[in-house]
Amino acid sequence: MGAMGRGHLLLLTLFVVLLHPSFERDVYHKRQQYPTVKIQEEADPAFWLNEARLGIESRLSNTLNRNKARNVVLFLGDGMSLPTLAAARTLQGQREGRTGEESQLFFETFPTTGLSKTYCVDAQTADSACTATAYLCGVKANRGTLGVTADVLRTNCTLVSPQHYVHSIAEWALADGRDAGIVTTTRVTHASPAGVYAHSAERDWESNADVLEDCPMTPNMPADIAQQLVHSYPGTHLKVILGGGRREFLPVTVVDEEGTEGKRLDGRNLIDEWLEDKTARNVSHEYVWNRRELMRLSTSPPEYLLGLFEGNHMQYNLKADPDTEPSLADMTEVAIRSLSRNDRGFFLFVEGGRIDHAHHDNLVQLALDESIELAAAVRRAAELLGDESLVVVTADHAHVMSYGGYSRRGAGVLGAADDRGDDGLPYMTLSYANGPGARPHLHGRRPDVTAEEDFGDLDWKSHAEVPLEEETHGGEDVAVFAAGPYHDLFTGTYEQSRIPHMMAYAACIGPGPHACHH
């Protein structure tokens, strides 16, 4: 391009900058009557110098713990993307009467933070099954498959050969004489917790009805996930199983304690079969279905504990009946008290699973609250565990919620941005690239969502751009936080499948080349 052409391009660029409305936003903000400083002490540079000094001192005081991890607890925020973390910490701070942006979720204070890459062998954007196989079994697999290698294709109705099984860190812990358990706010047969114990070509085969639907004429059908939990190793040896999903264990002829019909078409009651198995093994055991029964056992739990608190997934925290539904922190505490009786230690998987479900429905307030609840459960665990325990907090995949706009400091994170679109209409601080919250445009003009009658309600769906029945996952990296023995292993950016191997190295368990040198 010649000098004259470059000159014309420069003039054209300046013309667009001057005239296009999107470049007027800085002027728009300069006209706002915002206070120069929201928090007066922050106007003093000494405030930020002191904040930096304290942060550096905190980092320097974090000694490298080279002791063997007696216990390993993995907390999984299903769908807890980086924007979700930022928005949840802001909401937490605003609930506490502060501006919010400066807040920290409890696990964000951990000494080590890293990033994990979440793709599946066959998919750029992951689901909760292939990721569970990665962060629990240390092997990447195909989307929709659980506890098997990438040689197994999704919904393969032939029996999966044991040579294609991959085994979880829970099984590695059991092999070392430790105990293991799972806690989740989803069905205990859902993809994330099932990664602890199941081997399946299809994550949706939670009951035999699901297998029959996909494989109606198949002889020697694969065992469904609920059956594997009750009758196959390592499910048979999980000391604590707490979550939802009673319907997957009950026949269609049975209605559970809260009126949910069972799903099974084989006539089997797997809750009864779990009880019979423990009786036959002469071990103490209890089945509970509400918070009152669970907390009764909190100080002296049996050797084996099965708690199923809903027919389907557990209720969202903001909608739950606290008399019948235990919180994630409640379940985590009972699980740790139970598993801590083993002198050799334990592995515990804890999932805040409904972050993901709320995002899929564009229910942003519920997604953030479930993230705050996960942080509360991590705090409760830290209060119960000593420095011989490795605690890791991560997510399985991201979501397509964004956190944007040009709002003033302390603006309500659940509300509209202070800025407006070029069409003069407000837009949300938190919005989605796609999902059921998409609204049709009328006469080529998008609607004002803040004028809707239910705006701000728990079930109000935040704005989405592309209409979809369910919002999609995101393909970006997710955060990993670690505290305890060998926490420094978790820094950097790495494959998600490395996570269980690093946990196993810290605890001196598991297969592979990471022999215990400490």
Protein backbone atom coordinates (compact mmCIF):
# COMPACT_ATOMS: atom_id res chain seq x y z
CA MET A 1 0.00 0.00 0.00
CA GLY A 2 1.38 3.43 -1.00
CA ALA A 3 1.69 6.49 1.23
CA MET A 4 -1.49 7.99 -0.21
CA GLY A 5 -3.42 4.76 0.46
CA ARG A 6 -2.17 4.63 4.05
CA GLY A 7 -3.20 8.25 4.51
CA HIS A 8 -6.71 7.54 3.27
CA LEU A 9 -6.95 4.52 5.59
CA LEU A 10 -5.88 6.67 8.56
CA LEU A 11 -8.47 9.32 7.74
CA LEU A 12 -11.16 6.65 7.37
CA THR A 13 -10.21 5.13 10.74
CA LEU A 14 -10.37 8.51 12.44
CA PHE A 15 -13.76 9.15 10.85
CA VAL A 16 -15.13 5.84 12.18
CA VAL A 17 -13.67 6.49 15.64
CA LEU A 18 -15.28 9.90 15.79
CA LEU A 19 -18.70 8.95 14.47
CA HIS A 20 -19.44 5.33 15.43
CA PRO A 21 -21.56 5.28 18.60
CA SER A 22 -19.53 2.49 20.21
CA PHE A 23 -16.60 4.89 20.54
CA GLU A 24 -18.75 7.36 22.46
CA ARG A 25 -18.95 5.08 25.48
CA ASP A 26 -15.93 6.66 27.14
CA VAL A 27 -17.64 10.04 26.78
CA TYR A 28 -20.84 8.50 28.15
CA HIS A 29 -18.96 7.34 31.22
CA LYS A 30 -17.21 10.64 31.73
CA ARG A 31 -20.65 12.21 31.97
CA GLN A 32 -21.69 9.88 34.77
CA GLN A 33 -21.74 11.38 38.24
CA TYR A 34 -19.77 8.54 39.81
CA PRO A 35 -17.77 9.30 42.92
CA THR A 36 -14.07 9.53 42.11
CA VAL A 37 -13.32 6.93 44.81
CA LYS A 38 -15.83 4.45 46.16
CA ILE A 39 -13.66 3.44 49.12
CA GLN A 40 -11.67 6.42 50.34
CA GLU A 41 -8.62 4.50 51.57
CA GLU A 42 -8.10 3.08 48.09
CA ALA A 43 -7.29 6.58 46.82
CA ASP A 44 -4.04 6.45 48.75
CA PRO A 45 -1.28 4.60 46.83
CA ALA A 46 -0.05 3.32 50.20
CA PHE A 47 -3.16 1.14 50.38
CA TRP A 48 -2.13 -0.77 47.27
CA LEU A 49 1.52 -0.92 48.25
CA ASN A 50 0.49 -2.46 51.56
CA GLU A 51 -1.85 -4.90 49.80
CA ALA A 52 1.02 -6.02 47.58
CA ARG A 53 3.41 -6.31 50.54
CA LEU A 54 0.97 -8.48 52.47
CA GLY A 55 0.38 -10.64 49.43
CA ILE A 56 4.10 -11.20 48.89
CA GLU A 57 4.64 -11.98 52.57
CA SER A 58 1.78 -14.45 52.45
CA ARG A 59 3.36 -16.19 49.46
CA LEU A 60 6.77 -16.29 51.11
CA SER A 61 5.28 -17.77 54.26
CA ASN A 62 3.81 -20.70 52.31
CA THR A 63 6.38 -23.36 53.02
CA LEU A 64 6.64 -26.29 50.66
CA ASN A 65 4.94 -29.14 52.49
CA ARG A 66 6.84 -32.30 51.60
CA ASN A 67 4.98 -34.65 53.92
CA LYS A 68 2.93 -37.51 52.56
CA ALA A 69 -0.73 -36.58 52.19
CA ARG A 70 -2.72 -38.84 54.49
CA ASN A 71 -6.01 -37.60 53.08
CA VAL A 72 -6.94 -36.23 49.67
CA VAL A 73 -10.15 -34.26 49.11
CA LEU A 74 -11.09 -33.22 45.59
CA PHE A 75 -13.78 -30.53 45.33
CA LEU A 76 -15.38 -30.19 41.92
CA GLY A 77 -17.45 -27.18 40.93
CA ASP A 78 -19.27 -28.55 37.89
CA GLY A 79 -19.14 -25.82 35.26
CA MET A 80 -17.39 -23.35 37.57
CA SER A 81 -15.70 -21.25 34.89
CA LEU A 82 -13.36 -18.33 35.55
CA PRO A 83 -16.14 -15.74 34.94
CA THR A 84 -18.32 -17.74 37.34
CA LEU A 85 -15.63 -17.46 40.02
CA ALA A 86 -15.23 -13.72 39.49
CA ALA A 87 -18.97 -13.08 39.59
CA ALA A 88 -19.54 -15.39 42.58
CA ARG A 89 -16.87 -13.69 44.68
CA THR A 90 -18.41 -10.31 43.82
CA LEU A 91 -21.88 -11.50 44.77
CA GLN A 92 -20.54 -12.94 48.03
CA GLY A 93 -18.96 -9.60 48.91
CA GLN A 94 -22.09 -7.68 48.03
CA ARG A 95 -24.18 -9.96 50.22
CA GLU A 96 -21.80 -9.04 53.03
CA GLY A 97 -22.40 -5.31 52.47
CA ARG A 98 -19.21 -4.52 50.54
CA THR A 99 -18.59 -3.49 46.95
CA GLY A 100 -17.73 -7.13 46.24
CA GLU A 101 -15.06 -7.07 43.57
CA GLU A 102 -12.28 -7.19 46.17
CA SER A 103 -13.70 -10.31 47.85
CA GLN A 104 -12.28 -13.83 47.74
CA LEU A 105 -13.99 -17.17 47.82
CA PHE A 106 -12.40 -19.26 50.55
CA PHE A 107 -10.43 -21.54 48.23
CA GLU A 108 -9.05 -18.54 46.32
CA THR A 109 -6.81 -18.02 49.36
CA PHE A 110 -5.05 -21.35 48.70
CA PRO A 111 -1.31 -21.02 48.08
CA THR A 112 -1.26 -22.58 44.61
CA THR A 113 -3.38 -21.89 41.54
CA GLY A 114 -3.10 -23.47 38.11
CA LEU A 115 -5.10 -24.02 34.94
CA SER A 116 -6.21 -27.29 33.40
CA LYS A 117 -7.06 -27.98 29.76
CA THR A 118 -10.44 -29.67 29.51
CA TYR A 119 -10.87 -31.01 25.97
CA CYS A 120 -11.82 -34.65 25.34
CA VAL A 121 -10.01 -37.02 22.98
CA ASP A 122 -12.78 -36.53 20.41
CA ALA A 123 -14.18 -33.13 21.37
CA GLN A 124 -12.93 -29.57 21.61
CA THR A 125 -15.52 -28.68 24.27
CA ALA A 126 -15.89 -31.27 27.01
CA ASP A 127 -18.78 -32.80 28.91
CA SER A 128 -18.81 -33.98 32.53
CA ALA A 129 -18.12 -37.64 31.68
CA CYS A 130 -14.87 -37.45 29.74
CA THR A 131 -13.64 -34.83 32.20
CA ALA A 132 -14.49 -37.05 35.19
CA THR A 133 -12.45 -39.80 33.56
CA ALA A 134 -9.58 -37.32 33.23
CA TYR A 135 -9.49 -35.71 36.69
CA LEU A 136 -10.36 -38.94 38.54
CA CYS A 137 -8.74 -41.69 36.45
CA GLY A 138 -5.86 -39.79 34.87
CA VAL A 139 -6.75 -40.66 31.27
CA LYS A 140 -8.53 -38.60 28.62
CA ALA A 141 -11.41 -40.32 26.85
CA ASN A 142 -14.30 -39.67 24.46
CA ARG A 143 -17.15 -37.35 25.33
CA GLY A 144 -20.00 -39.12 27.11
CA THR A 145 -17.94 -42.11 28.26
CA LEU A 146 -16.96 -42.95 31.84
CA GLY A 147 -13.99 -44.86 33.24
CA VAL A 148 -12.90 -46.32 29.90
CA THR A 149 -10.18 -45.61 27.35
CA ALA A 150 -10.67 -43.66 24.13
CA ASP A 151 -10.95 -46.99 22.26
CA VAL A 152 -14.53 -47.15 23.59
CA LEU A 153 -17.01 -45.16 21.50
CA ARG A 154 -20.04 -43.56 23.11
CA THR A 155 -23.22 -45.67 23.41
CA ASN A 156 -21.44 -48.86 22.36
CA CYS A 157 -23.99 -51.48 23.46
CA THR A 158 -21.56 -54.38 23.51
CA LEU A 159 -19.99 -55.21 26.84
CA VAL A 160 -16.89 -53.14 27.43
CA SER A 161 -13.88 -55.36 28.03
CA PRO A 162 -12.04 -54.91 31.34
CA GLN A 163 -8.91 -54.24 29.30
CA HIS A 164 -10.51 -50.91 28.39
CA TYR A 165 -11.28 -49.98 32.00
CA VAL A 166 -9.38 -47.16 33.65
CA HIS A 167 -9.45 -46.88 37.43
CA SER A 168 -10.00 -43.87 39.66
CA ILE A 169 -7.92 -42.42 42.45
CA ALA A 170 -10.61 -43.68 44.84
CA GLU A 171 -9.71 -47.22 43.82
CA TRP A 172 -6.02 -46.42 44.22
CA ALA A 173 -6.74 -45.23 47.77
CA LEU A 174 -8.73 -48.37 48.59
CA ALA A 175 -5.87 -50.52 47.30
CA ASP A 176 -3.60 -48.77 49.81
CA GLY A 177 -5.93 -49.60 52.71
CA ARG A 178 -7.51 -46.16 52.86
CA ASP A 179 -11.22 -45.36 52.69
CA ALA A 180 -13.12 -43.50 50.01
CA GLY A 181 -16.43 -41.71 49.56
CA ILE A 182 -18.47 -39.41 47.35
CA VAL A 183 -20.63 -36.37 48.08
CA THR A 184 -22.63 -34.55 45.42
CA THR A 185 -25.63 -32.28 44.94
CA THR A 186 -26.55 -34.18 41.77
CA ARG A 187 -27.75 -37.75 41.45
CA VAL A 188 -25.01 -40.02 42.80
CA THR A 189 -25.16 -41.83 39.45
CA HIS A 190 -24.59 -38.63 37.47
CA ALA A 191 -21.48 -38.26 35.32
CA SER A 192 -19.11 -36.57 37.78
CA PRO A 193 -19.57 -38.85 40.82
CA ALA A 194 -19.89 -41.89 38.56
CA GLY A 195 -16.33 -41.27 37.43
CA VAL A 196 -15.26 -42.49 40.87
CA TYR A 197 -16.61 -46.01 40.40
CA ALA A 198 -18.24 -46.73 37.00
CA HIS A 199 -17.09 -48.04 33.63
CA SER A 200 -19.63 -47.17 30.94
CA ALA A 201 -19.80 -46.37 27.24
CA GLU A 202 -22.68 -44.00 28.02
CA ARG A 203 -22.98 -41.55 30.89
CA ASP A 204 -26.77 -41.59 30.63
CA TRP A 205 -27.08 -45.29 31.49
CA GLU A 206 -27.89 -44.48 35.10
CA SER A 207 -30.64 -47.13 35.44
CA ASN A 208 -31.42 -50.23 33.43
CA ALA A 209 -34.32 -48.37 31.78
CA ASP A 210 -31.75 -46.08 30.16
CA VAL A 211 -29.72 -49.02 28.87
CA LEU A 212 -32.84 -50.68 27.45
CA GLU A 213 -33.79 -47.51 25.63
CA ASP A 214 -30.47 -47.36 23.79
CA CYS A 215 -29.82 -51.10 23.46
CA PRO A 216 -33.26 -52.78 23.24
CA MET A 217 -32.19 -55.96 21.44
CA THR A 218 -28.74 -56.42 22.93
CA PRO A 219 -27.96 -59.71 24.72
CA ASN A 220 -25.78 -59.40 27.80
CA MET A 221 -26.51 -55.73 28.20
CA PRO A 222 -23.98 -53.57 30.02
CA ALA A 223 -24.62 -53.03 33.71
CA ASP A 224 -26.20 -49.67 34.46
CA ILE A 225 -24.36 -47.16 36.64
CA ALA A 226 -26.58 -47.57 39.73
CA GLN A 227 -26.09 -51.34 39.59
CA GLN A 228 -22.32 -50.86 39.37
CA LEU A 229 -22.37 -48.60 42.43
CA VAL A 230 -24.20 -51.21 44.52
CA HIS A 231 -22.67 -54.43 43.21
CA SER A 232 -19.30 -53.73 41.56
CA TYR A 233 -15.93 -52.77 42.99
CA PRO A 234 -15.06 -50.07 44.00
CA GLY A 235 -18.66 -48.92 44.51
CA THR A 236 -19.25 -51.74 46.98
CA HIS A 237 -16.44 -50.38 49.18
CA LEU A 238 -17.26 -46.69 49.21
CA LYS A 239 -17.82 -45.90 52.88
CA VAL A 240 -19.87 -42.76 52.25
CA ILE A 241 -22.32 -42.07 49.38
CA LEU A 242 -24.32 -38.86 49.76
CA GLY A 243 -26.39 -37.03 47.17
CA GLY A 244 -29.59 -37.34 45.15
CA GLY A 245 -31.05 -39.80 42.67
CA ARG A 246 -33.27 -42.31 44.50
CA ARG A 247 -35.25 -42.95 41.31
CA GLU A 248 -32.30 -44.70 39.64
CA PHE A 249 -32.28 -47.33 42.42
CA LEU A 250 -36.02 -48.06 42.61
CA PRO A 251 -38.39 -50.02 40.35
CA VAL A 252 -41.24 -48.25 38.58
CA THR A 253 -43.66 -49.91 41.00
CA VAL A 254 -42.17 -48.04 43.98
CA VAL A 255 -42.70 -44.42 45.03
CA ASP A 256 -39.98 -42.99 47.28
CA GLU A 257 -40.32 -41.07 50.55
CA GLU A 258 -41.11 -37.80 48.78
CA GLY A 259 -43.40 -39.09 46.03
CA THR A 260 -40.92 -39.69 43.19
CA GLU A 261 -41.54 -42.82 41.11
CA GLY A 262 -38.70 -45.24 40.50
CA LYS A 263 -37.25 -45.72 37.01
CA ARG A 264 -36.00 -49.27 37.00
CA LEU A 265 -37.69 -51.81 34.69
CA ASP A 266 -35.99 -54.88 36.17
CA GLY A 267 -38.06 -54.90 39.37
CA ARG A 268 -34.97 -54.46 41.52
CA ASN A 269 -34.75 -52.22 44.56
CA LEU A 270 -31.05 -51.39 44.74
CA ILE A 271 -31.38 -49.52 48.03
CA ASP A 272 -32.60 -52.74 49.62
CA GLU A 273 -29.83 -54.65 47.87
CA TRP A 274 -27.23 -52.22 49.25
CA LEU A 275 -28.59 -52.83 52.75
CA GLU A 276 -28.60 -56.61 52.22
CA ASP A 277 -24.99 -56.56 51.00
CA LYS A 278 -23.81 -54.69 54.09
CA THR A 279 -25.80 -56.98 56.39
CA ALA A 280 -24.25 -60.03 54.71
CA ARG A 281 -20.79 -58.54 55.25
CA ASN A 282 -21.60 -57.88 58.91
CA VAL A 283 -20.65 -54.20 58.80
CA SER A 284 -22.55 -51.35 60.45
CA HIS A 285 -24.56 -49.36 57.94
CA GLU A 286 -27.39 -46.84 57.57
CA TYR A 287 -29.56 -45.53 54.77
CA VAL A 288 -30.93 -42.00 55.29
CA TRP A 289 -33.11 -39.78 53.11
CA ASN A 290 -33.35 -36.44 54.92
CA ARG A 291 -31.18 -33.94 56.77
CA ARG A 292 -32.54 -34.82 60.20
CA GLU A 293 -31.50 -38.45 59.84
CA LEU A 294 -28.10 -37.49 58.43
CA MET A 295 -27.23 -35.05 61.20
CA ARG A 296 -28.30 -37.58 63.82
CA LEU A 297 -25.38 -39.69 62.59
CA SER A 298 -22.89 -36.84 62.27
CA THR A 299 -20.95 -37.50 65.48
CA SER A 300 -21.07 -41.29 65.29
CA PRO A 301 -21.64 -42.44 61.70
CA PRO A 302 -21.80 -46.12 60.78
CA GLU A 303 -19.05 -47.82 58.82
CA TYR A 304 -21.09 -47.53 55.63
CA LEU A 305 -23.49 -44.65 54.98
CA LEU A 306 -25.85 -44.21 52.03
CA GLY A 307 -27.82 -40.95 51.90
CA LEU A 308 -30.16 -40.20 49.01
CA PHE A 309 -31.95 -36.92 49.68
CA GLU A 310 -34.00 -36.46 46.50
CA GLY A 311 -35.61 -38.58 43.83
CA ASN A 312 -33.71 -36.61 41.21
CA HIS A 313 -30.95 -34.03 41.76
CA MET A 314 -30.87 -32.26 45.09
CA GLN A 315 -32.64 -28.90 45.23
CA TYR A 316 -30.79 -25.68 44.60
CA ASN A 317 -29.58 -24.20 47.87
CA LEU A 318 -31.82 -21.13 47.54
CA LYS A 319 -34.87 -23.34 46.99
CA ALA A 320 -34.15 -26.17 49.42
CA ASP A 321 -36.08 -27.00 52.56
CA PRO A 322 -33.36 -26.88 55.26
CA ASP A 323 -35.34 -29.31 57.41
CA THR A 324 -35.11 -32.10 54.83
CA GLU A 325 -32.22 -31.15 52.57
CA PRO A 326 -28.66 -31.09 53.93
CA SER A 327 -26.31 -28.45 52.58
CA LEU A 328 -23.17 -29.40 50.70
CA ALA A 329 -21.19 -28.32 53.79
CA ASP A 330 -23.34 -30.59 55.99
CA MET A 331 -22.70 -33.61 53.78
CA THR A 332 -18.99 -32.81 53.52
CA GLU A 333 -18.65 -32.63 57.29
CA VAL A 334 -20.40 -35.95 57.88
CA ALA A 335 -18.29 -37.61 55.19
CA ILE A 336 -15.01 -36.35 56.66
CA ARG A 337 -15.98 -37.36 60.19
CA SER A 338 -16.82 -40.83 58.92
CA LEU A 339 -13.76 -41.36 56.73
CA SER A 340 -11.32 -39.89 59.28
CA ARG A 341 -11.64 -42.99 61.44
CA ASN A 342 -9.27 -44.83 59.12
CA ASP A 343 -5.76 -44.26 60.43
CA ARG A 344 -4.29 -44.74 56.95
CA GLY A 345 -6.37 -41.91 55.52
CA PHE A 346 -8.95 -41.47 52.78
CA PHE A 347 -9.94 -40.03 49.42
CA LEU A 348 -13.13 -37.98 49.22
CA PHE A 349 -14.80 -36.54 46.13
CA VAL A 350 -17.16 -33.60 46.72
CA GLU A 351 -19.15 -32.08 43.87
CA GLY A 352 -21.13 -28.86 43.72
CA GLY A 353 -22.96 -30.17 40.69
CA ARG A 354 -25.80 -27.75 40.28
CA ILE A 355 -23.65 -24.82 39.21
CA ASP A 356 -23.69 -26.52 35.84
CA HIS A 357 -27.46 -27.08 35.77
CA ALA A 358 -28.20 -23.45 36.59
CA HIS A 359 -25.90 -22.25 33.82
CA HIS A 360 -27.55 -24.59 31.32
CA ASP A 361 -30.87 -22.90 32.14
CA ASN A 362 -29.34 -19.38 32.17
CA LEU A 363 -30.29 -19.10 35.87
CA VAL A 364 -27.30 -17.01 36.77
CA GLN A 365 -28.26 -16.14 40.36
CA LEU A 366 -28.58 -19.83 41.21
CA ALA A 367 -25.27 -20.68 39.50
CA LEU A 368 -23.39 -18.10 41.55
CA ASP A 369 -25.08 -19.10 44.80
CA GLU A 370 -24.16 -22.76 44.22
CA SER A 371 -20.54 -21.66 43.70
CA ILE A 372 -20.62 -19.79 47.02
CA GLU A 373 -22.04 -22.94 48.64
CA LEU A 374 -19.10 -24.94 47.29
CA ALA A 375 -16.72 -22.44 48.87
CA ALA A 376 -18.58 -22.86 52.18
CA ALA A 377 -18.11 -26.63 51.96
CA VAL A 378 -14.37 -26.18 51.30
CA ARG A 379 -14.14 -23.93 54.35
CA ARG A 380 -15.92 -26.53 56.49
CA ALA A 381 -13.52 -29.22 55.28
CA ALA A 382 -10.49 -27.06 56.05
CA GLU A 383 -11.76 -26.57 59.60
CA LEU A 384 -11.92 -30.35 60.07
CA LEU A 385 -8.70 -31.36 58.31
CA GLY A 386 -5.10 -30.82 59.35
CA ASP A 387 -1.98 -30.03 57.36
CA GLU A 388 -1.61 -33.71 56.45
CA SER A 389 -4.51 -33.36 54.00
CA LEU A 390 -4.24 -32.25 50.37
CA VAL A 391 -7.30 -30.27 49.27
CA VAL A 392 -7.79 -29.55 45.56
CA VAL A 393 -10.59 -27.43 44.13
CA THR A 394 -11.30 -27.30 40.41
CA ALA A 395 -13.97 -27.42 37.71
CA ASP A 396 -14.57 -29.95 34.99
CA HIS A 397 -15.35 -27.49 32.18
CA ALA A 398 -16.38 -23.90 31.57
CA HIS A 399 -19.67 -22.31 30.46
CA VAL A 400 -20.45 -19.49 28.04
CA MET A 401 -21.47 -16.92 30.64
CA SER A 402 -19.62 -13.63 30.28
CA TYR A 403 -19.00 -10.86 32.81
CA GLY A 404 -18.89 -7.46 31.14
CA GLY A 405 -20.13 -3.93 30.70
CA TYR A 406 -18.70 -0.70 32.08
CA SER A 407 -20.35 -0.56 35.46
CA ARG A 408 -19.23 1.51 38.43
CA ARG A 409 -17.45 -0.16 41.32
CA GLY A 410 -19.92 -2.04 43.52
CA ALA A 411 -22.72 -2.17 40.94
CA GLY A 412 -25.02 -5.12 41.56
CA VAL A 413 -23.43 -8.00 39.70
CA LEU A 414 -26.82 -9.59 39.04
CA GLY A 415 -28.25 -6.44 37.47
CA ALA A 416 -27.95 -4.49 34.25
CA ALA A 417 -24.66 -2.85 33.35
CA ASP A 418 -24.42 0.91 33.81
CA ASP A 419 -23.64 1.10 30.11
CA ARG A 420 -26.26 0.75 27.37
CA GLY A 421 -26.15 -0.78 23.96
CA ASP A 422 -25.84 1.27 20.78
CA ASP A 423 -29.60 0.84 20.48
CA GLY A 424 -30.09 2.72 23.75
CA LEU A 425 -31.34 -0.36 25.63
CA PRO A 426 -29.77 -1.82 28.79
CA TYR A 427 -27.88 -5.08 28.83
CA MET A 428 -26.93 -7.44 31.64
CA THR A 429 -23.58 -7.49 33.42
CA LEU A 430 -23.77 -11.30 33.26
CA SER A 431 -25.09 -12.74 30.02
CA TYR A 432 -24.81 -15.90 27.96
CA ALA A 433 -23.66 -16.62 24.42
CA ASN A 434 -26.54 -19.08 24.05
CA GLY A 435 -29.34 -20.84 25.87
CA PRO A 436 -33.05 -20.67 26.71
CA GLY A 437 -32.76 -17.03 27.83
CA ALA A 438 -32.60 -15.80 24.23
CA ARG A 439 -35.49 -13.45 23.44
CA PRO A 440 -36.86 -12.82 19.95
CA HIS A 441 -36.26 -9.38 18.47
CA LEU A 442 -39.39 -7.39 17.62
CA HIS A 443 -39.26 -5.23 14.50
CA GLY A 444 -35.52 -5.69 14.44
CA ARG A 445 -35.13 -4.42 17.98
CA ARG A 446 -34.07 -6.46 21.00
CA PRO A 447 -36.31 -6.34 24.08
CA ASP A 448 -35.51 -4.56 27.34
CA VAL A 449 -35.11 -7.55 29.64
CA THR A 450 -35.01 -5.35 32.73
CA ALA A 451 -38.66 -4.44 32.12
CA GLU A 452 -39.86 -8.03 32.42
CA GLU A 453 -42.26 -8.71 35.28
CA ASP A 454 -40.10 -11.44 36.84
CA PHE A 455 -36.78 -9.63 36.32
CA GLY A 456 -34.40 -10.59 39.13
CA ASP A 457 -36.42 -13.56 40.40
CA LEU A 458 -34.59 -16.84 41.07
CA ASP A 459 -36.15 -18.40 37.95
CA TRP A 460 -35.57 -15.40 35.70
CA LYS A 461 -33.37 -16.40 32.79
CA SER A 462 -30.56 -14.00 32.03
CA HIS A 463 -30.10 -12.76 28.48
CA ALA A 464 -28.67 -15.18 25.91
CA GLU A 465 -27.74 -14.39 22.32
CA VAL A 466 -28.39 -17.67 20.47
CA PRO A 467 -31.60 -19.59 21.24
CA LEU A 468 -30.91 -23.11 22.46
CA GLU A 469 -32.90 -25.47 24.69
CA GLU A 470 -29.84 -25.67 26.93
CA GLU A 471 -26.85 -23.36 27.17
CA THR A 472 -23.59 -25.00 26.17
CA HIS A 473 -20.33 -25.64 27.93
CA GLY A 474 -17.28 -23.53 27.16
CA GLY A 475 -13.97 -24.83 25.88
CA GLU A 476 -11.55 -22.62 27.83
CA ASP A 477 -9.27 -23.67 30.68
CA VAL A 478 -10.53 -23.92 34.25
CA ALA A 479 -8.80 -23.02 37.49
CA VAL A 480 -7.21 -25.46 39.92
CA PHE A 481 -6.59 -24.43 43.56
CA ALA A 482 -4.50 -26.53 45.95
CA ALA A 483 -3.46 -26.49 49.61
CA GLY A 484 -1.61 -29.06 51.69
CA PRO A 485 1.18 -31.53 50.92
CA TYR A 486 2.75 -30.95 47.50
CA HIS A 487 0.30 -28.18 46.65
CA ASP A 488 3.00 -26.59 44.49
CA LEU A 489 2.64 -29.42 41.95
CA PHE A 490 -0.60 -27.83 40.78
CA THR A 491 0.84 -24.58 39.44
CA GLY A 492 1.07 -23.86 35.70
CA THR A 493 -1.10 -24.98 32.80
CA TYR A 494 -1.51 -28.70 32.19
CA GLU A 495 -3.74 -31.48 30.94
CA GLN A 496 -6.72 -32.18 33.17
CA SER A 497 -5.72 -35.85 33.23
CA ARG A 498 -2.59 -34.93 35.21
CA ILE A 499 -4.63 -33.92 38.28
CA PRO A 500 -5.20 -37.39 39.84
CA HIS A 501 -1.58 -38.35 39.24
CA MET A 502 -0.39 -35.29 41.13
CA MET A 503 -2.81 -36.05 43.97
CA ALA A 504 -1.63 -39.65 43.97
CA TYR A 505 2.02 -38.56 44.06
CA ALA A 506 1.35 -36.45 47.13
CA ALA A 507 -0.40 -39.38 48.83
CA CYS A 508 1.98 -42.16 47.68
CA ILE A 509 -0.78 -44.16 46.02
CA GLY A 510 -1.69 -45.31 42.55
CA PRO A 511 -0.01 -46.80 39.50
CA GLY A 512 2.35 -45.17 37.08
CA PRO A 513 5.91 -43.85 37.14
CA HIS A 514 5.44 -41.53 40.12
CA ALA A 515 7.00 -43.80 42.74
CA CYS A 516 6.82 -42.47 46.26
CA HIS A 517 10.08 -40.73 47.14
CA HIS A 518 8.90 -38.85 50.22
